[in-house]
């Protein structure tokens, strides 16, 4: 399935997920789905959120970095390691 638009209406997302549109609206009101409120009765769901719902395995997980304990020497080594890692990605 190819998502081609930047934003989707709740009814479109409901059809993609084979759910009732009211279910999607309930999820929006419960903040289980991020949406932009355009007017009193109009919402749009960003494509990133639709991807999270439809195919969560395609999204990259957030990067978690554990900061070292042990004073200035450990912090300096950590910063050096982060700079080296960033340089290797370029």
N, C-alpha and C. Protein backbone atom coordinates (compact mmCIF):
# COMPACT_ATOMS: atom_id res chain seq x y z
N UNK A 1 0.84 -1.17 0.00
CA UNK A 1 0.00 0.00 0.00
C UNK A 1 0.89 1.24 0.00
N UNK A 2 0.60 2.16 -0.90
CA UNK A 2 1.38 3.38 -1.06
C UNK A 2 0.60 4.56 -0.49
N UNK A 3 1.19 5.24 0.46
CA UNK A 3 0.57 6.43 1.03
C UNK A 3 1.12 7.63 0.26
N UNK A 4 0.26 8.33 -0.45
CA UNK A 4 0.71 9.38 -1.36
C UNK A 4 0.42 10.79 -0.88
N UNK A 5 -0.43 10.94 0.12
CA UNK A 5 -0.82 12.27 0.59
C UNK A 5 -0.10 12.60 1.90
N UNK A 6 -0.02 13.88 2.21
CA UNK A 6 0.61 14.33 3.45
C UNK A 6 -0.32 14.17 4.65
N UNK A 7 -1.62 14.30 4.42
CA UNK A 7 -2.61 14.21 5.49
C UNK A 7 -3.80 13.38 5.01
N UNK A 8 -4.43 12.68 5.95
CA UNK A 8 -5.57 11.83 5.64
C UNK A 8 -6.74 12.17 6.54
N UNK A 9 -7.94 12.06 6.01
CA UNK A 9 -9.16 12.26 6.79
C UNK A 9 -9.40 11.01 7.64
N UNK A 10 -10.08 11.16 8.76
CA UNK A 10 -10.38 9.99 9.60
C UNK A 10 -11.09 8.87 8.85
N UNK A 11 -11.99 9.21 7.92
CA UNK A 11 -12.68 8.19 7.15
C UNK A 11 -11.73 7.38 6.27
N UNK A 12 -10.73 8.05 5.70
CA UNK A 12 -9.74 7.35 4.88
C UNK A 12 -8.91 6.39 5.72
N UNK A 13 -8.51 6.85 6.90
CA UNK A 13 -7.73 5.99 7.80
C UNK A 13 -8.57 4.81 8.26
N UNK A 14 -9.85 5.06 8.51
CA UNK A 14 -10.75 3.97 8.92
C UNK A 14 -10.82 2.91 7.83
N UNK A 15 -10.92 3.31 6.57
CA UNK A 15 -10.96 2.34 5.47
C UNK A 15 -9.65 1.57 5.38
N UNK A 16 -8.51 2.25 5.58
CA UNK A 16 -7.21 1.57 5.53
C UNK A 16 -7.09 0.50 6.61
N UNK A 17 -7.63 0.80 7.79
CA UNK A 17 -7.51 -0.10 8.93
C UNK A 17 -8.72 -1.03 9.10
N UNK A 18 -9.70 -0.88 8.22
CA UNK A 18 -10.92 -1.67 8.29
C UNK A 18 -11.63 -1.47 9.63
N UNK A 19 -11.78 -0.20 10.00
CA UNK A 19 -12.47 0.19 11.23
C UNK A 19 -13.59 1.16 10.88
N UNK A 20 -14.46 1.41 11.82
CA UNK A 20 -15.51 2.40 11.64
C UNK A 20 -14.90 3.79 11.84
N UNK A 21 -15.34 4.78 11.06
CA UNK A 21 -14.81 6.14 11.24
C UNK A 21 -14.98 6.69 12.65
N UNK A 22 -16.05 6.32 13.34
CA UNK A 22 -16.24 6.77 14.72
C UNK A 22 -15.14 6.24 15.64
N UNK A 23 -14.63 5.05 15.34
CA UNK A 23 -13.54 4.49 16.14
C UNK A 23 -12.30 5.36 16.00
N UNK A 24 -12.00 5.79 14.80
CA UNK A 24 -10.85 6.67 14.58
C UNK A 24 -11.04 7.98 15.31
N UNK A 25 -12.23 8.55 15.24
CA UNK A 25 -12.50 9.79 15.97
C UNK A 25 -12.38 9.59 17.48
N UNK A 26 -12.83 8.47 17.97
CA UNK A 26 -12.68 8.18 19.40
C UNK A 26 -11.21 8.09 19.78
N UNK A 27 -10.40 7.46 18.92
CA UNK A 27 -8.95 7.38 19.16
C UNK A 27 -8.32 8.77 19.16
N UNK A 28 -8.78 9.63 18.27
CA UNK A 28 -8.25 11.01 18.22
C UNK A 28 -8.60 11.74 19.52
N UNK A 29 -9.86 11.63 19.95
CA UNK A 29 -10.28 12.32 21.18
C UNK A 29 -9.57 11.75 22.42
N UNK A 30 -9.23 10.47 22.39
CA UNK A 30 -8.51 9.85 23.50
C UNK A 30 -7.00 10.04 23.37
N UNK A 31 -6.57 10.75 22.32
CA UNK A 31 -5.16 11.04 22.05
C UNK A 31 -4.33 9.79 21.78
N UNK A 32 -4.98 8.75 21.26
CA UNK A 32 -4.25 7.55 20.84
C UNK A 32 -3.74 7.72 19.41
N UNK A 33 -4.33 8.66 18.67
CA UNK A 33 -3.91 9.01 17.32
C UNK A 33 -3.68 10.51 17.29
N UNK A 34 -2.53 10.94 16.79
CA UNK A 34 -2.25 12.37 16.66
C UNK A 34 -2.97 12.91 15.43
N UNK A 35 -3.66 14.02 15.60
CA UNK A 35 -4.39 14.62 14.49
C UNK A 35 -4.40 16.13 14.65
N UNK A 36 -4.63 16.80 13.55
CA UNK A 36 -4.73 18.26 13.53
C UNK A 36 -6.20 18.62 13.39
N UNK A 37 -6.66 19.49 14.28
CA UNK A 37 -8.06 19.90 14.25
C UNK A 37 -8.17 21.15 13.38
N UNK A 38 -8.89 21.04 12.26
CA UNK A 38 -9.05 22.16 11.35
C UNK A 38 -10.28 22.99 11.68
N UNK A 39 -11.31 22.35 12.16
CA UNK A 39 -12.53 23.05 12.58
C UNK A 39 -13.22 22.19 13.64
N UNK A 40 -14.41 22.59 14.00
CA UNK A 40 -15.13 21.87 15.05
C UNK A 40 -15.30 20.39 14.74
N UNK A 41 -15.50 20.04 13.46
CA UNK A 41 -15.76 18.65 13.10
C UNK A 41 -14.79 18.09 12.08
N UNK A 42 -13.69 18.79 11.80
CA UNK A 42 -12.76 18.36 10.75
C UNK A 42 -11.38 18.11 11.33
N UNK A 43 -10.87 16.90 11.12
CA UNK A 43 -9.54 16.51 11.56
C UNK A 43 -8.75 16.00 10.37
N UNK A 44 -7.44 16.15 10.43
CA UNK A 44 -6.55 15.54 9.44
C UNK A 44 -5.44 14.84 10.21
N UNK A 45 -5.08 13.66 9.72
CA UNK A 45 -4.08 12.82 10.36
C UNK A 45 -2.83 12.83 9.49
N UNK A 46 -1.67 13.21 10.05
CA UNK A 46 -0.42 13.24 9.25
C UNK A 46 -0.03 11.85 8.76
N UNK A 47 0.64 11.82 7.62
CA UNK A 47 1.01 10.55 7.00
C UNK A 47 1.90 9.72 7.93
N UNK A 48 2.76 10.36 8.70
CA UNK A 48 3.63 9.62 9.64
C UNK A 48 2.80 8.83 10.66
N UNK A 49 1.73 9.44 11.12
CA UNK A 49 0.84 8.77 12.08
C UNK A 49 0.10 7.62 11.40
N UNK A 50 -0.32 7.82 10.15
CA UNK A 50 -0.99 6.76 9.40
C UNK A 50 -0.02 5.59 9.20
N UNK A 51 1.22 5.89 8.87
CA UNK A 51 2.24 4.84 8.73
C UNK A 51 2.42 4.07 10.03
N UNK A 52 2.42 4.78 11.14
CA UNK A 52 2.56 4.13 12.44
C UNK A 52 1.43 3.15 12.69
N UNK A 53 0.24 3.50 12.23
CA UNK A 53 -0.93 2.64 12.44
C UNK A 53 -0.98 1.48 11.45
N UNK A 54 -0.65 1.76 10.20
CA UNK A 54 -0.79 0.76 9.13
C UNK A 54 0.39 -0.20 9.08
N UNK A 55 1.60 0.35 9.15
CA UNK A 55 2.80 -0.48 9.01
C UNK A 55 3.87 -0.01 9.98
N UNK A 56 3.72 -0.29 11.27
CA UNK A 56 4.68 0.21 12.25
C UNK A 56 6.09 -0.35 12.05
N UNK A 57 6.22 -1.51 11.42
CA UNK A 57 7.55 -2.10 11.22
C UNK A 57 8.39 -1.30 10.22
N UNK A 58 7.76 -0.44 9.41
CA UNK A 58 8.51 0.35 8.43
C UNK A 58 9.14 1.60 9.04
N UNK A 59 8.71 2.00 10.20
CA UNK A 59 9.25 3.20 10.83
C UNK A 59 10.53 2.89 11.58
N UNK A 60 11.47 3.82 11.52
CA UNK A 60 12.70 3.65 12.29
C UNK A 60 12.42 3.96 13.75
N UNK A 61 12.90 3.14 14.66
CA UNK A 61 12.69 3.42 16.07
C UNK A 61 13.54 4.60 16.51
N UNK A 62 13.14 5.29 17.56
CA UNK A 62 13.95 6.39 18.06
C UNK A 62 15.28 5.89 18.58
N UNK A 63 16.29 6.70 18.47
CA UNK A 63 17.62 6.33 18.95
C UNK A 63 17.72 6.67 20.42
N UNK A 64 18.16 5.72 21.20
CA UNK A 64 18.30 5.91 22.64
C UNK A 64 19.79 5.92 22.95
N UNK A 65 20.24 6.98 23.59
CA UNK A 65 21.64 7.12 23.95
C UNK A 65 21.73 7.15 25.47
N UNK A 66 22.51 6.26 26.02
CA UNK A 66 22.71 6.23 27.46
C UNK A 66 23.92 7.07 27.80
N UNK A 67 23.73 8.04 28.63
CA UNK A 67 24.83 8.92 29.02
C UNK A 67 25.64 8.26 30.13
N UNK A 68 26.96 8.41 30.07
CA UNK A 68 27.80 7.74 31.05
C UNK A 68 27.78 8.44 32.41
N UNK A 69 28.07 7.69 33.41
CA UNK A 69 28.27 8.25 34.75
C UNK A 69 29.75 8.13 35.06
N UNK A 70 30.26 9.03 35.79
CA UNK A 70 31.65 8.88 36.18
C UNK A 70 32.48 10.14 36.02
N UNK A 71 31.86 11.27 35.95
CA UNK A 71 32.62 12.50 35.97
C UNK A 71 33.03 13.01 34.61
N UNK A 72 34.00 13.95 34.65
CA UNK A 72 34.41 14.66 33.45
C UNK A 72 35.10 13.77 32.44
N UNK A 73 35.91 12.83 32.89
CA UNK A 73 36.65 11.96 31.97
C UNK A 73 35.67 11.08 31.17
N UNK A 74 34.67 10.55 31.85
CA UNK A 74 33.68 9.72 31.16
C UNK A 74 32.86 10.55 30.19
N UNK A 75 32.52 11.78 30.59
CA UNK A 75 31.75 12.66 29.70
C UNK A 75 32.57 13.03 28.47
N UNK A 76 33.85 13.31 28.65
CA UNK A 76 34.72 13.64 27.51
C UNK A 76 34.85 12.45 26.56
N UNK A 77 34.99 11.26 27.10
CA UNK A 77 35.08 10.06 26.26
C UNK A 77 33.77 9.84 25.51
N UNK A 78 32.67 10.11 26.17
CA UNK A 78 31.36 9.96 25.54
C UNK A 78 31.22 10.94 24.38
N UNK A 79 31.55 12.22 24.61
CA UNK A 79 31.46 13.21 23.54
C UNK A 79 32.35 12.85 22.36
N UNK A 80 33.55 12.36 22.65
CA UNK A 80 34.49 11.96 21.60
C UNK A 80 33.90 10.80 20.78
N UNK A 81 33.30 9.83 21.46
CA UNK A 81 32.70 8.69 20.78
C UNK A 81 31.51 9.13 19.92
N UNK A 82 30.71 10.07 20.41
CA UNK A 82 29.57 10.57 19.63
C UNK A 82 30.05 11.34 18.40
N UNK A 83 31.12 12.14 18.52
CA UNK A 83 31.68 12.86 17.36
C UNK A 83 32.21 11.89 16.33
N UNK A 84 32.91 10.85 16.78
CA UNK A 84 33.45 9.85 15.86
C UNK A 84 32.33 9.11 15.14
N UNK A 85 31.29 8.78 15.87
CA UNK A 85 30.15 8.09 15.25
C UNK A 85 29.46 8.97 14.22
N UNK A 86 29.29 10.25 14.55
CA UNK A 86 28.66 11.18 13.60
C UNK A 86 29.53 11.36 12.36
N UNK A 87 30.83 11.43 12.54
CA UNK A 87 31.75 11.59 11.40
C UNK A 87 31.72 10.35 10.51
N UNK A 88 31.55 9.18 11.07
CA UNK A 88 31.55 7.95 10.28
C UNK A 88 30.27 7.82 9.45
N UNK A 89 29.17 8.51 9.86
CA UNK A 89 27.91 8.45 9.13
C UNK A 89 27.91 9.38 7.92
N UNK A 90 28.79 10.34 7.89
CA UNK A 90 28.80 11.33 6.79
C UNK A 90 29.42 10.80 5.56
